[in-house]
Protein backbone atom coordinates (compact mmCIF):
# COMPACT_ATOMS: atom_id res chain seq x y z
CA MET A 1 191.06 -22.08 -84.72
CA LEU A 2 190.05 -25.88 -84.02
CA PHE A 3 187.01 -24.78 -81.58
CA ILE A 4 186.88 -21.13 -80.71
CA GLY A 5 184.33 -20.86 -78.24
CA CYS A 6 183.81 -24.09 -77.38
CA ALA A 7 185.50 -23.92 -74.09
CA ALA A 8 182.98 -22.27 -72.54
CA SER A 9 179.98 -24.40 -72.73
CA TRP A 10 182.20 -27.29 -72.33
CA SER A 11 182.91 -26.22 -68.77
CA ALA A 12 178.77 -25.97 -67.99
CA LEU A 13 178.06 -30.13 -69.65
CA SER A 14 178.27 -32.22 -67.18
CA CYS A 15 179.38 -36.07 -67.54
CA SER A 16 176.25 -37.37 -65.88
CA LEU A 17 173.42 -36.39 -67.83
CA ALA A 18 170.15 -34.96 -66.21
CA ARG A 19 167.80 -36.64 -68.62
CA PRO A 20 167.59 -39.78 -70.87
CA PRO A 21 170.64 -40.57 -73.16
CA PRO A 22 170.06 -39.77 -77.00
CA SER A 23 169.68 -43.12 -79.03
CA ASP A 24 172.80 -44.39 -81.00
CA LYS A 25 170.43 -43.13 -84.10
CA GLU A 26 170.21 -39.94 -82.40
CA LEU A 27 173.78 -39.69 -81.74
CA PHE A 28 175.07 -40.39 -85.36
CA ASP A 29 172.08 -37.79 -86.85
CA SER A 30 173.38 -35.49 -85.03
CA ALA A 31 177.30 -35.55 -85.95
CA LYS A 32 178.87 -33.58 -87.78
CA GLU A 33 181.61 -36.44 -88.86
CA VAL A 34 181.24 -40.03 -87.32
CA PHE A 35 184.61 -42.02 -88.11
CA VAL A 36 186.99 -44.66 -87.15
CA GLY A 37 190.07 -43.80 -86.62
CA LYS A 38 193.70 -44.84 -85.24
CA VAL A 39 195.23 -42.13 -83.01
CA LEU A 40 198.86 -40.60 -84.67
CA SER A 41 199.30 -38.13 -81.56
CA THR A 42 198.13 -35.51 -78.68
CA GLU A 43 199.30 -32.44 -78.29
CA LEU A 44 198.19 -30.07 -75.02
CA ALA A 45 196.98 -26.86 -76.53
CA SER A 46 195.07 -23.68 -75.13
CA LEU A 47 192.47 -21.07 -77.13
CA PRO A 48 194.26 -17.93 -77.68
CA ARG A 49 194.73 -15.99 -74.42
CA LYS A 50 192.55 -12.43 -75.64
CA LEU A 51 189.86 -14.63 -76.50
CA CYS A 52 189.69 -16.41 -72.78
CA GLU A 53 190.01 -13.17 -71.49
CA ALA A 54 187.14 -11.92 -73.59
CA GLU A 55 185.33 -14.93 -72.22
CA GLU A 56 186.40 -14.45 -68.82
CA LEU A 57 187.34 -18.06 -68.38
CA ASP A 58 189.56 -19.49 -65.80
CA PRO A 59 193.35 -20.28 -67.89
CA GLU A 60 192.80 -24.39 -67.16
CA LEU A 61 189.11 -24.10 -69.38
CA CYS A 62 191.19 -22.48 -71.96
CA GLN A 63 193.13 -25.74 -72.83
CA PHE A 64 191.96 -28.51 -74.57
CA VAL A 65 193.55 -32.03 -76.34
CA ARG A 66 194.51 -31.65 -80.09
CA VAL A 67 194.02 -34.69 -81.33
CA ARG A 68 195.72 -36.35 -85.17
CA VAL A 69 193.66 -39.14 -85.93
CA GLU A 70 194.02 -41.15 -89.75
CA VAL A 71 191.10 -42.15 -90.46
CA ILE A 72 189.98 -46.13 -91.00
CA ASP A 73 186.89 -45.84 -92.10
CA LEU A 74 184.40 -42.61 -92.74
CA LEU A 75 181.00 -43.34 -91.70
CA LYS A 76 179.85 -39.90 -92.09
CA GLY A 77 181.27 -36.47 -93.60
CA LYS A 78 184.30 -35.10 -96.01
CA LYS A 79 186.40 -38.13 -96.96
CA ALA A 80 189.88 -37.20 -95.83
CA LYS A 81 193.45 -39.59 -94.99
CA ARG A 82 193.73 -37.10 -91.63
CA LYS A 83 191.90 -35.44 -89.60
CA TYR A 84 192.18 -33.56 -86.00
CA VAL A 85 189.52 -33.74 -83.38
CA ALA A 86 189.31 -31.93 -80.14
CA ASP A 87 188.92 -33.40 -76.64
CA PHE A 88 189.12 -31.97 -73.66
CA PRO A 89 192.61 -33.01 -71.45
CA ALA A 90 191.39 -36.32 -68.93
CA GLY A 91 190.14 -35.64 -65.62
CA PRO A 92 187.68 -36.97 -63.07
CA GLY A 93 184.18 -36.17 -63.76
CA ASN A 94 184.69 -34.48 -66.98
CA CYS A 95 183.53 -35.81 -70.28
CA SER A 96 187.11 -36.18 -71.88
CA LEU A 97 187.59 -39.27 -73.95
CA ALA A 98 190.83 -39.76 -72.54
CA VAL A 99 192.20 -40.52 -76.09
CA PHE A 100 196.22 -42.31 -76.31
CA ALA A 101 198.23 -42.07 -79.38
CA GLY A 102 198.25 -45.44 -81.08
CA LEU A 103 194.74 -46.65 -80.00
CA TYR A 104 191.50 -46.77 -82.46
CA TYR A 105 188.52 -44.63 -81.28
CA VAL A 106 185.17 -44.13 -83.14
CA PHE A 107 184.91 -40.33 -83.07
CA TYR A 108 181.88 -38.88 -83.83
CA THR A 109 182.24 -34.94 -84.21
CA ALA A 110 179.73 -32.70 -82.21
CA THR A 111 180.87 -28.93 -83.63
CA GLU A 112 182.29 -27.20 -86.77
CA TYR A 113 185.20 -27.60 -84.00
CA ASN A 114 185.98 -31.33 -84.22
CA THR A 115 185.54 -31.92 -80.29
CA VAL A 116 184.42 -35.41 -79.23
CA PRO A 117 183.16 -35.43 -76.07
CA HIS A 118 182.47 -38.86 -74.60
CA PRO A 119 178.32 -38.09 -74.18
CA GLY A 120 178.55 -37.33 -77.80
CA GLY A 121 178.82 -40.76 -78.81
CA SER A 122 182.75 -41.64 -79.54
CA PHE A 123 183.98 -44.48 -77.82
CA PHE A 124 187.21 -46.04 -77.26
CA LEU A 125 187.66 -48.91 -80.11
CA GLY A 126 190.22 -50.97 -79.35
CA TYR A 127 193.94 -51.86 -79.61
CA GLN A 128 194.15 -52.85 -82.96
CA ILE A 129 191.54 -53.56 -85.77
CA GLU A 130 190.71 -57.20 -85.44
CA GLN A 131 187.40 -59.27 -85.82
CA ARG A 132 185.85 -57.68 -82.71
CA GLU A 133 186.72 -54.44 -83.76
CA ARG A 134 185.25 -55.33 -87.77
CA GLU A 135 181.98 -56.77 -86.53
CA ILE A 136 181.21 -53.24 -84.24
CA ILE A 137 182.35 -51.19 -87.59
CA LYS A 138 179.72 -53.35 -89.80
CA LYS A 139 176.58 -52.11 -86.57
CA LEU A 140 177.98 -49.12 -86.81
CA LYS A 141 177.01 -48.98 -90.82
CA ALA A 142 173.59 -50.31 -90.28
CA PRO A 143 170.66 -48.12 -90.20
CA ASP A 144 169.36 -48.03 -86.13
CA ARG A 145 173.51 -48.30 -85.84
CA PRO A 146 174.22 -49.75 -82.30
CA ARG A 147 177.41 -49.38 -80.76
CA PRO A 148 178.16 -52.03 -78.18
CA ALA A 149 176.38 -52.24 -74.37
CA ASP A 150 179.92 -51.66 -72.79
CA GLU A 151 181.46 -49.06 -74.73
CA GLY A 152 178.56 -46.17 -74.52
């Protein structure tokens, strides 16, 4: 299963963090994987009904977006041509990355379930990989791994 059990913790997470946000280096170091990817497809999926009932979750909290991604550049983690990540359905006030098929993102997977909430470091990179995007990727490979100020 892509991310059994994370919906409950996601529901408690707010995008307005009470404490100072982690540094770019801390985000990178704490991520399970970090990679540049092109979103190939998105699909609304649900955790198994029995799990939702056992966790006493609202049925809407059991939904997630399964995202199929072509890996363009691996910065940390296991090599693969394609990966699946999980995101929230986009909505006001939640921590969704709001991914769209055909666009490029930098994904920081947060857990064993490959979740990519926005506060975890993931961000939209661009519509295509051009000079600006190549420069961002180059900076992410630097020891302090600074993300672009307007993206994070």
